[in-house]
Each structure stands twice: as C-alpha cells, then as structure tokens.
Amino acid sequence: MVIKPAPKIRGKIKEELEKIWMPATGSSWLMERKRLKYVPAIIRSAYAYGEKEVEEVKKDPYVSYLMNKVKVIIRKCPDNIRVDPKTNGPGLKIFWPIEVLEVKEVDDELKMLLTKVFFSKDNLEDRMIAEEDIRRFGIPCQEKQMTSDQRIDHHIDSMNSFMKAWGEFFKKAYDIHKQYNVKMWFHIIGL
C-alpha cells in the first residue's frame, strides 16, 4: 500500500510520503482472524482492480459502511502488474482518503494495531494461524533451517511485528497529514 498525495504538493513532503509504504500480501486475513474488520476492509478494497472486483468489494458491509463515512475516489489507474481484461489497459481502483483514519471504528483498530500483541506462542489457535500463514506464503529464508516449533515461534513474532507495522504506517501518514495539512489517499500498486 502506498500514499498518493494531492497534486502540487511540495517536494519535501512528497519525498517523505514516498518513503512510507506497506506490503499488503496476507495482511487482511491475519487481521480478520483477530476480529479486526475496518482496517482489513480498507486493505482488501484498495487491492481490488477492474470494474468487476471493485463492484464486488463495494458489497462488503465494512467497505460500504466506510464509503458512506468518507469520500473515496474510484477511477481508472494503471497497475504495474495487472491489466483490466475488459479494456486491456488501466482498470478501476479505489483510493481511500486519509480521513478514513478518523472514522471511530478505524481509529480504534489502529490503536489496537499499535499497542496490542495479537498472537501468542502459547495459544494453540495462534500457532495454527502461523502454520496456515506459512503454508499460504511459503517458508521465509531465515526460517528454513529451524525446527517446526522454532519456525512457528519465529513466525508468530513476525506476524506481531507485521500487525504493528500496519499501525505505524497509517500513523506516519496521518501525522504528516496533520503536520502539513495535506490531502492524500491510500491505494495499492503492484511491485
């Protein structure tokens, strides 16, 4: 996920915002397993690409709730890994305004992301979530030589760090917004 600042933004601020980004892979499902609803809805819907995906994600109750609270931008935009099959070109994408972070439910979840430890090595369900995450996305290089239990323990630490990093990503963006009074939108691009 990256931040798109308003046009004609000062160079220094634009450079600062370009340094702030988060990989979106796997984020929303981990958050949903810990009963977060609104932040994962933002991430999932920002990932939607093309008319069909955008229309489908707008049916999600959390996405539609947030869309009623803030003014999202839905427009055609190139994606460097995907092409809209209907047009063989840029597809529709959802851009979430920075003000979405001020919606009470989103703000509550962001506070949790910044302060709470979501996964415990002693919790069997959390260990199963870590195993599922490893199956979904593969074994990271630093975990290949570990035993299964060591790998799960290490992966739980990584998942907790990843959840906190999402909170820090949104907090940094919001702090810049408040400091410079700049408009910006969140969206997802390919690598």
Protein backbone atom coordinates (compact mmCIF):
# COMPACT_ATOMS: atom_id res chain seq x y z
CA MET A 1 0.00 0.00 0.00
CA VAL A 2 1.28 3.42 -0.91
CA ILE A 3 0.17 7.00 -0.41
CA LYS A 4 -0.89 9.22 -3.28
CA PRO A 5 -0.55 12.87 -2.29
CA ALA A 6 -2.64 15.66 -3.76
CA PRO A 7 -1.21 17.26 -6.92
CA LYS A 8 1.14 20.23 -6.48
CA ILE A 9 2.37 19.03 -3.11
CA ARG A 10 5.75 20.40 -2.00
CA GLY A 11 8.74 18.22 -2.96
CA LYS A 12 9.91 17.63 0.60
CA ILE A 13 6.51 16.33 1.71
CA LYS A 14 6.15 14.21 -1.43
CA GLU A 15 9.57 12.64 -0.82
CA GLU A 16 8.61 11.91 2.79
CA LEU A 17 5.37 10.20 1.69
CA GLU A 18 7.14 8.12 -0.98
CA LYS A 19 9.24 6.50 1.76
CA ILE A 20 6.11 5.26 3.55
CA TRP A 21 4.64 2.03 2.16
CA MET A 22 3.49 -1.40 3.32
CA PRO A 23 3.38 -4.78 1.59
CA ALA A 24 -0.27 -5.84 1.51
CA THR A 25 0.22 -9.56 0.96
CA GLY A 26 -1.58 -11.59 3.58
CA SER A 27 -2.37 -8.63 5.79
CA SER A 28 -6.12 -8.60 5.76
CA TRP A 29 -6.67 -12.27 6.50
CA LEU A 30 -4.41 -12.14 9.59
CA MET A 31 -6.25 -9.07 10.84
CA GLU A 32 -9.62 -10.70 10.21
CA ARG A 33 -8.57 -13.76 12.20
CA LYS A 34 -8.08 -11.39 15.15
CA ARG A 35 -11.53 -9.89 14.60
CA LEU A 36 -10.43 -6.62 13.05
CA LYS A 37 -12.93 -5.50 10.43
CA TYR A 38 -12.35 -1.99 9.13
CA VAL A 39 -8.59 -1.81 8.51
CA PRO A 40 -8.64 -5.13 6.60
CA ALA A 41 -11.63 -3.85 4.60
CA ILE A 42 -9.57 -0.82 3.55
CA ILE A 43 -6.63 -3.02 2.52
CA ARG A 44 -8.76 -5.58 0.62
CA SER A 45 -10.79 -2.96 -1.21
CA ALA A 46 -7.70 -0.95 -2.15
CA TYR A 47 -6.32 -4.13 -3.73
CA ALA A 48 -9.40 -4.59 -5.94
CA TYR A 49 -8.65 -3.92 -9.60
CA GLY A 50 -11.05 -3.61 -12.50
CA GLU A 51 -14.77 -2.95 -12.63
CA LYS A 52 -15.84 -6.43 -11.52
CA GLU A 53 -13.52 -6.58 -8.48
CA VAL A 54 -14.37 -3.03 -7.40
CA GLU A 55 -18.12 -3.68 -7.63
CA GLU A 56 -17.73 -6.93 -5.70
CA VAL A 57 -15.71 -5.38 -2.88
CA LYS A 58 -18.18 -2.49 -2.54
CA LYS A 59 -20.77 -5.09 -1.41
CA ASP A 60 -18.71 -5.86 1.71
CA PRO A 61 -20.62 -4.36 4.68
CA TYR A 62 -17.49 -2.81 6.23
CA VAL A 63 -16.37 -1.30 2.93
CA SER A 64 -19.82 0.14 2.23
CA TYR A 65 -20.02 1.50 5.80
CA LEU A 66 -16.70 3.31 5.37
CA MET A 67 -17.68 4.54 1.90
CA ASN A 68 -20.72 6.17 3.50
CA LYS A 69 -18.44 7.94 6.02
CA VAL A 70 -15.75 9.29 3.65
CA LYS A 71 -15.47 10.23 0.00
CA VAL A 72 -13.43 7.59 -1.78
CA ILE A 73 -12.14 8.07 -5.30
CA ILE A 74 -12.82 5.31 -7.79
CA ARG A 75 -11.05 5.90 -11.06
CA LYS A 76 -9.09 4.20 -13.79
CA CYS A 77 -5.49 3.80 -12.86
CA PRO A 78 -2.64 1.73 -14.28
CA ASP A 79 -1.29 -1.08 -12.15
CA ASN A 80 2.20 -2.31 -12.87
CA ILE A 81 1.29 -5.99 -12.53
CA ARG A 82 -2.33 -6.21 -13.65
CA VAL A 83 -4.31 -5.20 -16.72
CA ASP A 84 -8.09 -4.87 -16.80
CA PRO A 85 -9.17 -7.72 -19.13
CA LYS A 86 -12.18 -5.74 -20.40
CA THR A 87 -10.07 -2.84 -21.64
CA ASN A 88 -6.58 -4.39 -21.86
CA GLY A 89 -5.47 -1.29 -20.02
CA PRO A 90 -5.91 0.58 -16.76
CA GLY A 91 -8.73 -0.65 -14.57
CA LEU A 92 -10.78 0.92 -11.82
CA LYS A 93 -9.15 1.25 -8.41
CA ILE A 94 -10.33 2.53 -5.05
CA PHE A 95 -8.39 5.34 -3.38
CA TRP A 96 -9.13 5.82 0.33
CA PRO A 97 -8.77 9.37 1.67
CA ILE A 98 -6.64 9.98 4.75
CA GLU A 99 -9.83 10.99 6.58
CA VAL A 100 -10.83 7.30 6.73
CA LEU A 101 -8.40 7.06 9.65
CA GLU A 102 -10.61 9.47 11.60
CA VAL A 103 -13.63 7.16 11.45
CA LYS A 104 -14.05 5.94 15.04
CA GLU A 105 -14.03 2.22 14.20
CA VAL A 106 -10.87 2.56 12.09
CA ASP A 107 -9.18 4.70 14.74
CA ASP A 108 -10.00 2.10 17.41
CA GLU A 109 -8.47 -0.68 15.30
CA LEU A 110 -5.37 1.41 14.56
CA LYS A 111 -4.84 1.96 18.27
CA MET A 112 -5.04 -1.81 18.75
CA LEU A 113 -2.52 -2.39 15.93
CA LEU A 114 -0.09 -0.02 17.63
CA THR A 115 -0.45 -1.32 21.19
CA LYS A 116 -1.73 -4.89 21.25
CA VAL A 117 0.16 -8.15 20.85
CA PHE A 118 -2.24 -10.19 18.71
CA PHE A 119 -0.56 -13.60 18.52
CA SER A 120 0.79 -15.69 21.38
CA LYS A 121 3.24 -18.58 21.14
CA ASP A 122 1.30 -20.30 23.95
CA ASN A 123 -2.05 -20.15 22.17
CA LEU A 124 -2.81 -23.25 20.06
CA GLU A 125 -5.12 -21.32 17.73
CA ASP A 126 -2.42 -18.71 17.09
CA ARG A 127 0.10 -21.48 16.35
CA MET A 128 -2.35 -22.92 13.81
CA ILE A 129 -2.75 -19.46 12.22
CA ALA A 130 1.05 -19.20 11.94
CA GLU A 131 1.18 -22.65 10.29
CA GLU A 132 -1.53 -21.61 7.84
CA ASP A 133 0.30 -18.38 7.05
CA ILE A 134 3.49 -20.34 6.36
CA ARG A 135 1.54 -22.72 4.06
CA ARG A 136 -0.04 -19.79 2.20
CA PHE A 137 3.10 -17.77 1.63
CA GLY A 138 5.99 -20.21 2.00
CA ILE A 139 8.84 -20.50 4.44
CA PRO A 140 10.93 -17.34 4.68
CA CYS A 141 14.66 -17.92 4.13
CA GLN A 142 15.57 -17.17 7.75
CA GLU A 143 13.15 -19.92 8.92
CA LYS A 144 14.24 -22.77 6.59
CA GLN A 145 16.85 -24.29 8.95
CA MET A 146 14.58 -24.15 12.01
CA THR A 147 12.56 -26.94 13.55
CA SER A 148 8.81 -26.76 13.07
CA ASP A 149 8.25 -25.36 16.59
CA GLN A 150 11.06 -22.82 16.21
CA ARG A 151 9.65 -21.78 12.83
CA ILE A 152 6.18 -21.23 14.27
CA ASP A 153 7.57 -19.27 17.26
CA HIS A 154 9.63 -17.07 14.93
CA HIS A 155 6.72 -16.64 12.57
CA ILE A 156 4.43 -15.54 15.41
CA ASP A 157 6.97 -12.83 16.29
CA SER A 158 6.98 -11.78 12.63
CA MET A 159 3.18 -11.68 12.45
CA ASN A 160 3.03 -9.47 15.57
CA SER A 161 5.65 -7.15 14.08
CA PHE A 162 3.74 -7.02 10.82
CA MET A 163 0.49 -6.07 12.57
CA LYS A 164 2.27 -3.26 14.46
CA ALA A 165 3.94 -2.08 11.24
CA TRP A 166 0.47 -1.54 9.71
CA GLY A 167 -0.48 0.67 12.63
CA GLU A 168 2.78 2.61 12.28
CA PHE A 169 2.26 3.00 8.51
CA PHE A 170 -1.14 4.61 8.97
CA LYS A 171 0.06 6.70 11.96
CA LYS A 172 3.00 8.13 9.99
CA ALA A 173 0.71 9.07 7.12
CA TYR A 174 -1.78 10.69 9.46
CA ASP A 175 0.95 12.61 11.31
CA ILE A 176 2.20 14.06 8.00
CA HIS A 177 -1.37 14.93 7.04
CA LYS A 178 -1.89 16.80 10.31
CA GLN A 179 1.53 18.47 10.30
CA TYR A 180 1.30 19.82 6.73
CA ASN A 181 -2.49 19.82 6.21
CA VAL A 182 -2.06 17.83 3.00
CA LYS A 183 -4.68 15.73 1.22
CA MET A 184 -3.68 12.16 0.43
CA TRP A 185 -5.16 8.80 -0.50
CA PHE A 186 -4.19 5.19 0.19
CA HIS A 187 -4.06 2.69 -2.64
CA ILE A 188 -2.25 -0.47 -3.63
CA ILE A 189 0.08 -0.91 -6.56
CA GLY A 190 1.99 -3.95 -7.74
CA LEU A 191 5.70 -4.28 -7.17
